[in-house]
């Protein structure tokens, strides 16, 4: 009788464990990028194959990053919640003949202080005193934090497709934030895939590159731990900086149909930094550096040149 009772208790636990740790199927690069034009696919593959990835351990976390070019000034790229160092590869290829370019991938480091500590450690390791910092989404939020807490390390700053410190995101995602740590990884990545197909992809003008890159993130290039800590960083509050007082030129890049940054947040960003140069892009979605790389790169080059 005891054995029967034990079996009855164990079986549901095993079922739950199997469901929770179910290895969700992962599509290959070729399958995910089959709808992207061949030239773009080849460019990304070449970048991944030829550019060596460096590694730096900071507070027990392994940071991966690339350094390309040897120009007199440095550009540092900071990606959003769903990204990696190579999401900027088109800008890196275009700007590296004139600049030294650094791009990185966030490890599972929760909070802006931890992320900023890793960024500064990489700059120190590469002997970069100050950099032109370009951040998009979470990266734009992190860039604001760097301006506030490490102004001497930032020469010029770009806050792209992002938001200032606010209560809106945390309040709207209160339930999601509580549930996220307990959801299986395959559920979290399934939500990202669904959001890509239904929101990010159409907002980007049905860009096959945006779709493929985001789906690749959800197919193993990013894990739940990274996603969770990045979400925690997005809602981490801090006092916004005064770039004018710090003498740091700022450009805001926004999209008028950004599905991830609502109009109220976009207006709050411009009100927080009233002296910033504002570039409003039309019908390009949240990842314009992917689906409109030439336009995006031209904006960066013009801003960095004119602000010198």
C-alpha atoms as a PDB file:
ATOM      1  CA  UNK A   1       0.000   0.000   0.000  1.00  0.00           C
ATOM      2  CA  UNK A   2       2.875   2.364   0.841  1.00  0.00           C
ATOM      3  CA  UNK A   3       4.491   1.632  -2.512  1.00  0.00           C
ATOM      4  CA  UNK A   4       1.265   2.480  -4.328  1.00  0.00           C
ATOM      5  CA  UNK A   5       0.963   5.738  -2.415  1.00  0.00           C
ATOM      6  CA  UNK A   6       4.583   6.609  -3.195  1.00  0.00           C
ATOM      7  CA  UNK A   7       4.046   5.925  -6.896  1.00  0.00           C
ATOM      8  CA  UNK A   8       0.922   8.086  -6.907  1.00  0.00           C
ATOM      9  CA  UNK A   9       2.926  10.930  -5.385  1.00  0.00           C
ATOM     10  CA  UNK A  10       6.009  10.511  -7.564  1.00  0.00           C
ATOM     11  CA  UNK A  11       4.288  10.235 -10.941  1.00  0.00           C
ATOM     12  CA  UNK A  12       2.770  13.772 -10.901  1.00  0.00           C
ATOM     13  CA  UNK A  13       6.141  15.191  -9.840  1.00  0.00           C
ATOM     14  CA  UNK A  14       7.888  13.413 -12.700  1.00  0.00           C
ATOM     15  CA  UNK A  15       5.274  14.637 -15.164  1.00  0.00           C
ATOM     16  CA  UNK A  16       5.754  18.224 -13.959  1.00  0.00           C
ATOM     17  CA  UNK A  17       9.538  17.916 -14.222  1.00  0.00           C
ATOM     18  CA  UNK A  18       9.324  16.489 -17.747  1.00  0.00           C
ATOM     19  CA  UNK A  19       7.009  19.314 -18.824  1.00  0.00           C
ATOM     20  CA  UNK A  20       9.156  21.982 -17.148  1.00  0.00           C
ATOM     21  CA  UNK A  21      12.466  20.783 -18.578  1.00  0.00           C
ATOM     22  CA  UNK A  22      11.061  19.697 -21.929  1.00  0.00           C
ATOM     23  CA  UNK A  23      13.769  20.371 -24.548  1.00  0.00           C
ATOM     24  CA  UNK A  24      11.970  22.595 -27.015  1.00  0.00           C
ATOM     25  CA  UNK A  25      12.939  21.979 -30.659  1.00  0.00           C
ATOM     26  CA  UNK A  26      15.492  24.414 -32.066  1.00  0.00           C
ATOM     27  CA  UNK A  27      15.610  25.396 -35.717  1.00  0.00           C
ATOM     28  CA  UNK A  28      18.924  25.657 -37.558  1.00  0.00           C
ATOM     29  CA  UNK A  29      20.477  28.867 -38.892  1.00  0.00           C
ATOM     30  CA  UNK A  30      19.755  27.762 -42.463  1.00  0.00           C
ATOM     31  CA  UNK A  31      16.101  27.160 -41.667  1.00  0.00           C
ATOM     32  CA  UNK A  32      15.623  30.416 -39.766  1.00  0.00           C
ATOM     33  CA  UNK A  33      17.363  32.589 -42.369  1.00  0.00           C
ATOM     34  CA  UNK A  34      16.050  30.860 -45.493  1.00  0.00           C
ATOM     35  CA  UNK A  35      13.797  33.835 -46.331  1.00  0.00           C
ATOM     36  CA  UNK A  36      16.556  36.443 -45.896  1.00  0.00           C
ATOM     37  CA  UNK A  37      18.359  37.585 -49.042  1.00  0.00           C
ATOM     38  CA  UNK A  38      21.548  35.676 -49.760  1.00  0.00           C
ATOM     39  CA  UNK A  39      23.884  38.694 -49.630  1.00  0.00           C
ATOM     40  CA  UNK A  40      22.757  39.627 -46.109  1.00  0.00           C
ATOM     41  CA  UNK A  41      23.003  36.045 -44.873  1.00  0.00           C
ATOM     42  CA  UNK A  42      26.524  35.724 -46.285  1.00  0.00           C
ATOM     43  CA  UNK A  43      27.536  39.013 -44.661  1.00  0.00           C
ATOM     44  CA  UNK A  44      26.349  37.868 -41.235  1.00  0.00           C
ATOM     45  CA  UNK A  45      27.945  34.428 -41.563  1.00  0.00           C
ATOM     46  CA  UNK A  46      31.247  35.966 -42.643  1.00  0.00           C
ATOM     47  CA  UNK A  47      31.193  38.345 -39.679  1.00  0.00           C
ATOM     48  CA  UNK A  48      30.573  35.493 -37.242  1.00  0.00           C
ATOM     49  CA  UNK A  49      33.293  33.361 -38.785  1.00  0.00           C
ATOM     50  CA  UNK A  50      36.008  35.990 -39.173  1.00  0.00           C
ATOM     51  CA  UNK A  51      35.625  38.304 -36.177  1.00  0.00           C
ATOM     52  CA  UNK A  52      37.145  36.733 -33.043  1.00  0.00           C
ATOM     53  CA  UNK A  53      35.038  36.862 -29.893  1.00  0.00           C
ATOM     54  CA  UNK A  54      36.835  37.935 -26.742  1.00  0.00           C
ATOM     55  CA  UNK A  55      35.864  36.922 -23.229  1.00  0.00           C
ATOM     56  CA  UNK A  56      36.205  38.736 -19.908  1.00  0.00           C
ATOM     57  CA  UNK A  57      35.173  37.436 -16.484  1.00  0.00           C
ATOM     58  CA  UNK A  58      33.611  40.120 -14.289  1.00  0.00           C
ATOM     59  CA  UNK A  59      32.231  39.267 -10.842  1.00  0.00           C
ATOM     60  CA  UNK A  60      31.916  35.613 -11.785  1.00  0.00           C
ATOM     61  CA  UNK A  61      30.119  36.283 -15.073  1.00  0.00           C
ATOM     62  CA  UNK A  62      31.558  35.710 -18.522  1.00  0.00           C
ATOM     63  CA  UNK A  63      31.182  38.674 -20.863  1.00  0.00           C
ATOM     64  CA  UNK A  64      31.636  38.084 -24.605  1.00  0.00           C
ATOM     65  CA  UNK A  65      32.503  40.933 -26.930  1.00  0.00           C
ATOM     66  CA  UNK A  66      34.199  41.902 -30.175  1.00  0.00           C
ATOM     67  CA  UNK A  67      36.585  44.694 -31.072  1.00  0.00           C
ATOM     68  CA  UNK A  68      36.877  45.735 -34.717  1.00  0.00           C
ATOM     69  CA  UNK A  69      38.850  48.578 -36.295  1.00  0.00           C
ATOM     70  CA  UNK A  70      41.591  50.807 -34.933  1.00  0.00           C
ATOM     71  CA  UNK A  71      40.314  54.345 -35.450  1.00  0.00           C
ATOM     72  CA  UNK A  72      41.198  57.193 -33.071  1.00  0.00           C
ATOM     73  CA  UNK A  73      37.724  57.138 -31.455  1.00  0.00           C
ATOM     74  CA  UNK A  74      35.700  54.258 -30.046  1.00  0.00           C
ATOM     75  CA  UNK A  75      32.045  53.431 -30.601  1.00  0.00           C
ATOM     76  CA  UNK A  76      30.431  51.113 -28.056  1.00  0.00           C
ATOM     77  CA  UNK A  77      27.207  49.335 -29.060  1.00  0.00           C
ATOM     78  CA  UNK A  78      24.754  48.130 -26.395  1.00  0.00           C
ATOM     79  CA  UNK A  79      21.907  45.877 -27.524  1.00  0.00           C
ATOM     80  CA  UNK A  80      18.404  45.444 -26.118  1.00  0.00           C
ATOM     81  CA  UNK A  81      16.665  42.591 -24.285  1.00  0.00           C
ATOM     82  CA  UNK A  82      16.753  40.235 -27.251  1.00  0.00           C
ATOM     83  CA  UNK A  83      20.096  40.692 -28.885  1.00  0.00           C
ATOM     84  CA  UNK A  84      23.795  39.908 -28.916  1.00  0.00           C
ATOM     85  CA  UNK A  85      27.031  41.563 -30.018  1.00  0.00           C
ATOM     86  CA  UNK A  86      26.457  40.719 -33.691  1.00  0.00           C
ATOM     87  CA  UNK A  87      23.021  42.331 -33.955  1.00  0.00           C
ATOM     88  CA  UNK A  88      25.087  45.438 -34.851  1.00  0.00           C
ATOM     89  CA  UNK A  89      27.253  43.712 -37.455  1.00  0.00           C
ATOM     90  CA  UNK A  90      26.072  45.923 -40.336  1.00  0.00           C
ATOM     91  CA  UNK A  91      26.983  49.088 -38.425  1.00  0.00           C
ATOM     92  CA  UNK A  92      30.262  47.548 -37.270  1.00  0.00           C
ATOM     93  CA  UNK A  93      31.274  46.698 -40.839  1.00  0.00           C
ATOM     94  CA  UNK A  94      30.396  50.199 -42.039  1.00  0.00           C
ATOM     95  CA  UNK A  95      31.999  52.168 -39.195  1.00  0.00           C
ATOM     96  CA  UNK A  96      35.090  50.109 -38.335  1.00  0.00           C
ATOM     97  CA  UNK A  97      37.253  51.619 -41.137  1.00  0.00           C
ATOM     98  CA  UNK A  98      37.029  54.967 -39.290  1.00  0.00           C
ATOM     99  CA  UNK A  99      36.431  53.972 -35.672  1.00  0.00           C
ATOM    100  CA  UNK A 100      37.392  51.357 -33.170  1.00  0.00           C
ATOM    101  CA  UNK A 101      34.121  49.537 -32.526  1.00  0.00           C
ATOM    102  CA  UNK A 102      33.192  47.425 -29.503  1.00  0.00           C
ATOM    103  CA  UNK A 103      30.001  45.370 -29.222  1.00  0.00           C
ATOM    104  CA  UNK A 104      29.102  42.948 -26.460  1.00  0.00           C
ATOM    105  CA  UNK A 105      26.566  40.422 -25.216  1.00  0.00           C
ATOM    106  CA  UNK A 106      25.075  40.678 -21.737  1.00  0.00           C
ATOM    107  CA  UNK A 107      25.529  37.619 -19.523  1.00  0.00           C
ATOM    108  CA  UNK A 108      22.878  36.854 -16.857  1.00  0.00           C
ATOM    109  CA  UNK A 109      23.696  39.983 -14.810  1.00  0.00           C
ATOM    110  CA  UNK A 110      20.650  41.422 -13.039  1.00  0.00           C
ATOM    111  CA  UNK A 111      20.375  45.159 -12.587  1.00  0.00           C
ATOM    112  CA  UNK A 112      21.912  48.206 -14.196  1.00  0.00           C
ATOM    113  CA  UNK A 113      24.783  48.380 -11.725  1.00  0.00           C
ATOM    114  CA  UNK A 114      25.917  44.875 -12.694  1.00  0.00           C
ATOM    115  CA  UNK A 115      25.548  45.568 -16.413  1.00  0.00           C
ATOM    116  CA  UNK A 116      27.389  48.879 -16.153  1.00  0.00           C
ATOM    117  CA  UNK A 117      30.158  47.206 -14.147  1.00  0.00           C
ATOM    118  CA  UNK A 118      30.716  44.727 -16.961  1.00  0.00           C
ATOM    119  CA  UNK A 119      30.704  47.441 -19.612  1.00  0.00           C
ATOM    120  CA  UNK A 120      33.247  49.551 -17.729  1.00  0.00           C
ATOM    121  CA  UNK A 121      35.433  46.491 -17.141  1.00  0.00           C
ATOM    122  CA  UNK A 122      35.507  45.834 -20.905  1.00  0.00           C
ATOM    123  CA  UNK A 123      36.420  49.463 -21.624  1.00  0.00           C
ATOM    124  CA  UNK A 124      39.189  49.205 -19.036  1.00  0.00           C
ATOM    125  CA  UNK A 125      40.443  45.934 -20.519  1.00  0.00           C
ATOM    126  CA  UNK A 126      40.593  47.544 -23.959  1.00  0.00           C
ATOM    127  CA  UNK A 127      42.195  50.731 -22.559  1.00  0.00           C
ATOM    128  CA  UNK A 128      39.329  52.950 -23.701  1.00  0.00           C
ATOM    129  CA  UNK A 129      39.037  56.104 -21.601  1.00  0.00           C
ATOM    130  CA  UNK A 130      35.851  57.354 -23.250  1.00  0.00           C
ATOM    131  CA  UNK A 131      33.538  56.066 -25.957  1.00  0.00           C
ATOM    132  CA  UNK A 132      30.687  57.163 -28.164  1.00  0.00           C
ATOM    133  CA  UNK A 133      27.927  54.951 -26.757  1.00  0.00           C
ATOM    134  CA  UNK A 134      24.998  53.730 -28.860  1.00  0.00           C
ATOM    135  CA  UNK A 135      22.280  51.882 -26.968  1.00  0.00           C
ATOM    136  CA  UNK A 136      18.951  50.599 -28.199  1.00  0.00           C
ATOM    137  CA  UNK A 137      15.972  49.611 -26.010  1.00  0.00           C
ATOM    138  CA  UNK A 138      17.491  48.129 -22.807  1.00  0.00           C
ATOM    139  CA  UNK A 139      20.837  49.264 -24.229  1.00  0.00           C
ATOM    140  CA  UNK A 140      19.499  52.822 -24.471  1.00  0.00           C
ATOM    141  CA  UNK A 141      18.330  52.634 -20.879  1.00  0.00           C
ATOM    142  CA  UNK A 142      21.761  51.342 -19.852  1.00  0.00           C
ATOM    143  CA  UNK A 143      23.417  54.162 -21.823  1.00  0.00           C
ATOM    144  CA  UNK A 144      21.440  56.699 -19.781  1.00  0.00           C
ATOM    145  CA  UNK A 145      22.657  54.962 -16.624  1.00  0.00           C
ATOM    146  CA  UNK A 146      26.257  55.202 -17.846  1.00  0.00           C
ATOM    147  CA  UNK A 147      25.842  58.933 -18.535  1.00  0.00           C
ATOM    148  CA  UNK A 148      24.419  59.351 -15.014  1.00  0.00           C
ATOM    149  CA  UNK A 149      27.049  57.295 -13.187  1.00  0.00           C
ATOM    150  CA  UNK A 150      30.123  57.247 -15.441  1.00  0.00           C
ATOM    151  CA  UNK A 151      29.972  60.558 -17.370  1.00  0.00           C
ATOM    152  CA  UNK A 152      33.735  60.702 -17.819  1.00  0.00           C
ATOM    153  CA  UNK A 153      33.589  57.470 -19.860  1.00  0.00           C
ATOM    154  CA  UNK A 154      30.955  58.727 -22.334  1.00  0.00           C
ATOM    155  CA  UNK A 155      31.937  61.181 -25.064  1.00  0.00           C
ATOM    156  CA  UNK A 156      28.612  61.197 -26.946  1.00  0.00           C
ATOM    157  CA  UNK A 157      25.460  59.171 -26.394  1.00  0.00           C
ATOM    158  CA  UNK A 158      22.651  57.775 -28.515  1.00  0.00           C
ATOM    159  CA  UNK A 159      19.413  56.757 -26.792  1.00  0.00           C
ATOM    160  CA  UNK A 160      17.601  54.688 -29.408  1.00  0.00           C
ATOM    161  CA  UNK A 161      14.129  53.088 -29.284  1.00  0.00           C
ATOM    162  CA  UNK A 162      14.184  53.406 -25.541  1.00  0.00           C
ATOM    163  CA  UNK A 163      12.585  55.023 -22.503  1.00  0.00           C
ATOM    164  CA  UNK A 164      13.631  57.075 -19.460  1.00  0.00           C
ATOM    165  CA  UNK A 165      13.308  55.865 -15.861  1.00  0.00           C
ATOM    166  CA  UNK A 166       9.578  55.294 -15.351  1.00  0.00           C
ATOM    167  CA  UNK A 167       6.919  53.325 -13.493  1.00  0.00           C
ATOM    168  CA  UNK A 168       4.874  52.427 -16.572  1.00  0.00           C
ATOM    169  CA  UNK A 169       6.804  49.333 -17.688  1.00  0.00           C
ATOM    170  CA  UNK A 170       7.018  47.807 -14.211  1.00  0.00           C
ATOM    171  CA  UNK A 171       3.334  48.437 -13.527  1.00  0.00           C
ATOM    172  CA  UNK A 172       2.139  47.008 -16.839  1.00  0.00           C
ATOM    173  CA  UNK A 173       4.333  43.943 -16.459  1.00  0.00           C
ATOM    174  CA  UNK A 174       3.807  43.320 -12.747  1.00  0.00           C
ATOM    175  CA  UNK A 175       2.111  39.960 -13.244  1.00  0.00           C
ATOM    176  CA  UNK A 176       4.504  38.901 -15.998  1.00  0.00           C
ATOM    177  CA  UNK A 177       7.445  39.865 -13.817  1.00  0.00           C
ATOM    178  CA  UNK A 178       6.207  37.685 -10.970  1.00  0.00           C
ATOM    179  CA  UNK A 179       5.498  34.704 -13.226  1.00  0.00           C
ATOM    180  CA  UNK A 180       8.620  34.860 -15.379  1.00  0.00           C
ATOM    181  CA  UNK A 181      11.029  33.164 -12.914  1.00  0.00           C
ATOM    182  CA  UNK A 182       8.703  30.155 -12.631  1.00  0.00           C
ATOM    183  CA  UNK A 183       7.913  29.614 -16.309  1.00  0.00           C
ATOM    184  CA  UNK A 184       9.771  26.867 -18.217  1.00  0.00           C
ATOM    185  CA  UNK A 185      12.361  28.140 -20.654  1.00  0.00           C
ATOM    186  CA  UNK A 186      10.409  26.750 -23.626  1.00  0.00           C
ATOM    187  CA  UNK A 187       7.369  28.790 -22.580  1.00  0.00           C
ATOM    188  CA  UNK A 188       9.424  32.003 -22.275  1.00  0.00           C
ATOM    189  CA  UNK A 189      10.992  31.462 -25.688  1.00  0.00           C
ATOM    190  CA  UNK A 190       7.607  30.538 -27.134  1.00  0.00           C
ATOM    191  CA  UNK A 191       6.259  33.911 -26.001  1.00  0.00           C
ATOM    192  CA  UNK A 192       9.195  35.640 -27.691  1.00  0.00           C
ATOM    193  CA  UNK A 193       8.557  33.730 -30.918  1.00  0.00           C
ATOM    194  CA  UNK A 194       4.878  34.666 -30.857  1.00  0.00           C
ATOM    195  CA  UNK A 195       5.688  38.323 -30.198  1.00  0.00           C
ATOM    196  CA  UNK A 196       8.160  38.294 -33.078  1.00  0.00           C
ATOM    197  CA  UNK A 197       5.656  36.935 -35.576  1.00  0.00           C
ATOM    198  CA  UNK A 198       2.709  39.035 -34.448  1.00  0.00           C
ATOM    199  CA  UNK A 199       4.349  42.339 -33.511  1.00  0.00           C
ATOM    200  CA  UNK A 200       8.045  42.848 -34.279  1.00  0.00           C
ATOM    201  CA  UNK A 201       7.996  41.391 -37.794  1.00  0.00           C
ATOM    202  CA  UNK A 202       5.046  43.403 -39.172  1.00  0.00           C
ATOM    203  CA  UNK A 203       6.198  46.639 -37.484  1.00  0.00           C
ATOM    204  CA  UNK A 204       9.543  46.246 -39.287  1.00  0.00           C
ATOM    205  CA  UNK A 205       7.766  46.179 -42.658  1.00  0.00           C
ATOM    206  CA  UNK A 206       7.862  42.385 -42.692  1.00  0.00           C
ATOM    207  CA  UNK A 207      11.638  42.419 -42.588  1.00  0.00           C
ATOM    208  CA  UNK A 208      12.815  38.834 -42.969  1.00  0.00           C
ATOM    209  CA  UNK A 209      16.083  39.751 -41.271  1.00  0.00           C
ATOM    210  CA  UNK A 210      14.348  41.055 -38.138  1.00  0.00           C
ATOM    211  CA  UNK A 211      12.170  37.950 -38.038  1.00  0.00           C
ATOM    212  CA  UNK A 212      15.095  35.550 -38.526  1.00  0.00           C
ATOM    213  CA  UNK A 213      17.408  37.216 -36.000  1.00  0.00           C
ATOM    214  CA  UNK A 214      14.734  37.391 -33.294  1.00  0.00           C
ATOM    215  CA  UNK A 215      13.671  33.795 -33.853  1.00  0.00           C
ATOM    216  CA  UNK A 216      17.307  32.733 -33.676  1.00  0.00           C
ATOM    217  CA  UNK A 217      17.536  34.358 -30.240  1.00  0.00           C
ATOM    218  CA  UNK A 218      14.507  32.305 -29.158  1.00  0.00           C
ATOM    219  CA  UNK A 219      16.035  29.144 -30.615  1.00  0.00           C
ATOM    220  CA  UNK A 220      18.998  28.887 -28.318  1.00  0.00           C
ATOM    221  CA  UNK A 221      21.189  31.965 -28.755  1.00  0.00           C
ATOM    222  CA  UNK A 222      19.609  33.479 -25.649  1.00  0.00           C
ATOM    223  CA  UNK A 223      18.499  31.598 -22.556  1.00  0.00           C
ATOM    224  CA  UNK A 224      15.874  32.234 -19.911  1.00  0.00           C
ATOM    225  CA  UNK A 225      18.425  33.437 -17.348  1.00  0.00           C
ATOM    226  CA  UNK A 226      19.598  36.163 -19.717  1.00  0.00           C
ATOM    227  CA  UNK A 227      16.036  37.172 -20.571  1.00  0.00           C
ATOM    228  CA  UNK A 228      15.022  37.297 -16.901  1.00  0.00           C
ATOM    229  CA  UNK A 229      17.964  39.431 -15.767  1.00  0.00           C
ATOM    230  CA  UNK A 230      17.535  41.763 -18.738  1.00  0.00           C
ATOM    231  CA  UNK A 231      13.884  42.260 -17.804  1.00  0.00           C
ATOM    232  CA  UNK A 232      14.948  43.042 -14.240  1.00  0.00           C
ATOM    233  CA  UNK A 233      17.342  45.661 -15.601  1.00  0.00           C
ATOM    234  CA  UNK A 234      14.618  47.289 -17.712  1.00  0.00           C
ATOM    235  CA  UNK A 235      12.595  48.063 -14.575  1.00  0.00           C
ATOM    236  CA  UNK A 236      15.591  48.996 -12.407  1.00  0.00           C
ATOM    237  CA  UNK A 237      15.037  52.658 -11.363  1.00  0.00           C
ATOM    238  CA  UNK A 238      17.652  55.399 -11.268  1.00  0.00           C
ATOM    239  CA  UNK A 239      17.820  59.194 -11.399  1.00  0.00           C
ATOM    240  CA  UNK A 240      18.161  60.363 -15.007  1.00  0.00           C
ATOM    241  CA  UNK A 241      21.324  62.293 -15.846  1.00  0.00           C
ATOM    242  CA  UNK A 242      21.798  65.850 -17.032  1.00  0.00           C
ATOM    243  CA  UNK A 243      23.864  65.428 -20.197  1.00  0.00           C
ATOM    244  CA  UNK A 244      24.157  69.202 -20.659  1.00  0.00           C
ATOM    245  CA  UNK A 245      25.790  69.634 -17.270  1.00  0.00           C
ATOM    246  CA  UNK A 246      28.083  66.705 -18.077  1.00  0.00           C
ATOM    247  CA  UNK A 247      28.895  68.194 -21.486  1.00  0.00           C
ATOM    248  CA  UNK A 248      27.742  65.071 -23.341  1.00  0.00           C
ATOM    249  CA  UNK A 249      25.899  65.533 -26.678  1.00  0.00           C
ATOM    250  CA  UNK A 250      22.847  63.259 -26.963  1.00  0.00           C
ATOM    251  CA  UNK A 251      20.825  62.012 -29.904  1.00  0.00           C
ATOM    252  CA  UNK A 252      17.474  60.261 -29.561  1.00  0.00           C
ATOM    253  CA  UNK A 253      16.431  57.849 -32.306  1.00  0.00           C
ATOM    254  CA  UNK A 254      12.797  56.780 -32.211  1.00  0.00           C
ATOM    255  CA  UNK A 255      10.301  55.058 -34.494  1.00  0.00           C
ATOM    256  CA  UNK A 256       6.749  56.305 -34.851  1.00  0.00           C
ATOM    257  CA  UNK A 257       5.405  52.726 -34.925  1.00  0.00           C
ATOM    258  CA  UNK A 258       7.641  51.132 -32.285  1.00  0.00           C
ATOM    259  CA  UNK A 259       5.621  48.214 -30.866  1.00  0.00           C
ATOM    260  CA  UNK A 260       7.791  47.915 -27.748  1.00  0.00           C
ATOM    261  CA  UNK A 261       8.066  51.577 -26.707  1.00  0.00           C
ATOM    262  CA  UNK A 262       4.639  53.170 -26.451  1.00  0.00           C
ATOM    263  CA  UNK A 263       4.078  56.847 -27.394  1.00  0.00           C
ATOM    264  CA  UNK A 264       3.853  57.983 -23.751  1.00  0.00           C
ATOM    265  CA  UNK A 265       7.335  56.618 -23.057  1.00  0.00           C
ATOM    266  CA  UNK A 266       8.740  58.160 -26.213  1.00  0.00           C
ATOM    267  CA  UNK A 267       7.394  61.553 -25.161  1.00  0.00           C
ATOM    268  CA  UNK A 268       8.761  61.101 -21.645  1.00  0.00           C
ATOM    269  CA  UNK A 269      12.203  60.415 -23.099  1.00  0.00           C
ATOM    270  CA  UNK A 270      12.194  63.644 -25.102  1.00  0.00           C
ATOM    271  CA  UNK A 271      10.901  65.618 -22.115  1.00  0.00           C
ATOM    272  CA  UNK A 272      13.656  64.148 -19.932  1.00  0.00           C
ATOM    273  CA  UNK A 273      16.334  65.225 -22.428  1.00  0.00           C
ATOM    274  CA  UNK A 274      14.937  68.405 -24.027  1.00  0.00           C
ATOM    275  CA  UNK A 275      18.233  69.474 -25.632  1.00  0.00           C
ATOM    276  CA  UNK A 276      18.800  66.149 -27.409  1.00  0.00           C
ATOM    277  CA  UNK A 277      18.831  65.904 -31.187  1.00  0.00           C
ATOM    278  CA  UNK A 278      15.747  63.866 -32.122  1.00  0.00           C
ATOM    279  CA  UNK A 279      15.513  61.643 -35.184  1.00  0.00           C
ATOM    280  CA  UNK A 280      12.039  60.189 -35.750  1.00  0.00           C
ATOM    281  CA  UNK A 281      11.982  57.286 -38.206  1.00  0.00           C
ATOM    282  CA  UNK A 282       8.779  56.253 -39.920  1.00  0.00           C
ATOM    283  CA  UNK A 283       7.314  52.748 -40.156  1.00  0.00           C
ATOM    284  CA  UNK A 284      10.563  50.952 -39.325  1.00  0.00           C
ATOM    285  CA  UNK A 285       9.633  49.274 -36.026  1.00  0.00           C
ATOM    286  CA  UNK A 286      11.904  48.566 -33.071  1.00  0.00           C
ATOM    287  CA  UNK A 287      15.002  47.246 -34.862  1.00  0.00           C
ATOM    288  CA  UNK A 288      15.708  49.841 -37.544  1.00  0.00           C
ATOM    289  CA  UNK A 289      19.463  49.167 -37.336  1.00  0.00           C
ATOM    290  CA  UNK A 290      18.652  45.704 -38.723  1.00  0.00           C
ATOM    291  CA  UNK A 291      16.047  46.460 -41.376  1.00  0.00           C
ATOM    292  CA  UNK A 292      17.288  49.974 -42.319  1.00  0.00           C
ATOM    293  CA  UNK A 293      21.033  49.652 -41.687  1.00  0.00           C
ATOM    294  CA  UNK A 294      22.266  52.297 -44.130  1.00  0.00           C
ATOM    295  CA  UNK A 295      19.914  55.001 -42.853  1.00  0.00           C
ATOM    296  CA  UNK A 296      20.752  54.133 -39.257  1.00  0.00           C
ATOM    297  CA  UNK A 297      24.502  54.159 -39.874  1.00  0.00           C
ATOM    298  CA  UNK A 298      24.291  57.498 -41.669  1.00  0.00           C
ATOM    299  CA  UNK A 299      22.525  59.022 -38.663  1.00  0.00           C
ATOM    300  CA  UNK A 300      25.259  57.799 -36.342  1.00  0.00           C
ATOM    301  CA  UNK A 301      28.086  58.953 -38.564  1.00  0.00           C
ATOM    302  CA  UNK A 302      26.541  62.402 -39.019  1.00  0.00           C
ATOM    303  CA  UNK A 303      25.886  62.845 -35.306  1.00  0.00           C
ATOM    304  CA  UNK A 304      29.347  61.765 -34.210  1.00  0.00           C
ATOM    305  CA  UNK A 305      30.987  63.978 -36.825  1.00  0.00           C
ATOM    306  CA  UNK A 306      28.926  67.115 -36.191  1.00  0.00           C
ATOM    307  CA  UNK A 307      29.142  66.843 -32.402  1.00  0.00           C
ATOM    308  CA  UNK A 308      32.918  66.748 -32.304  1.00  0.00           C
END
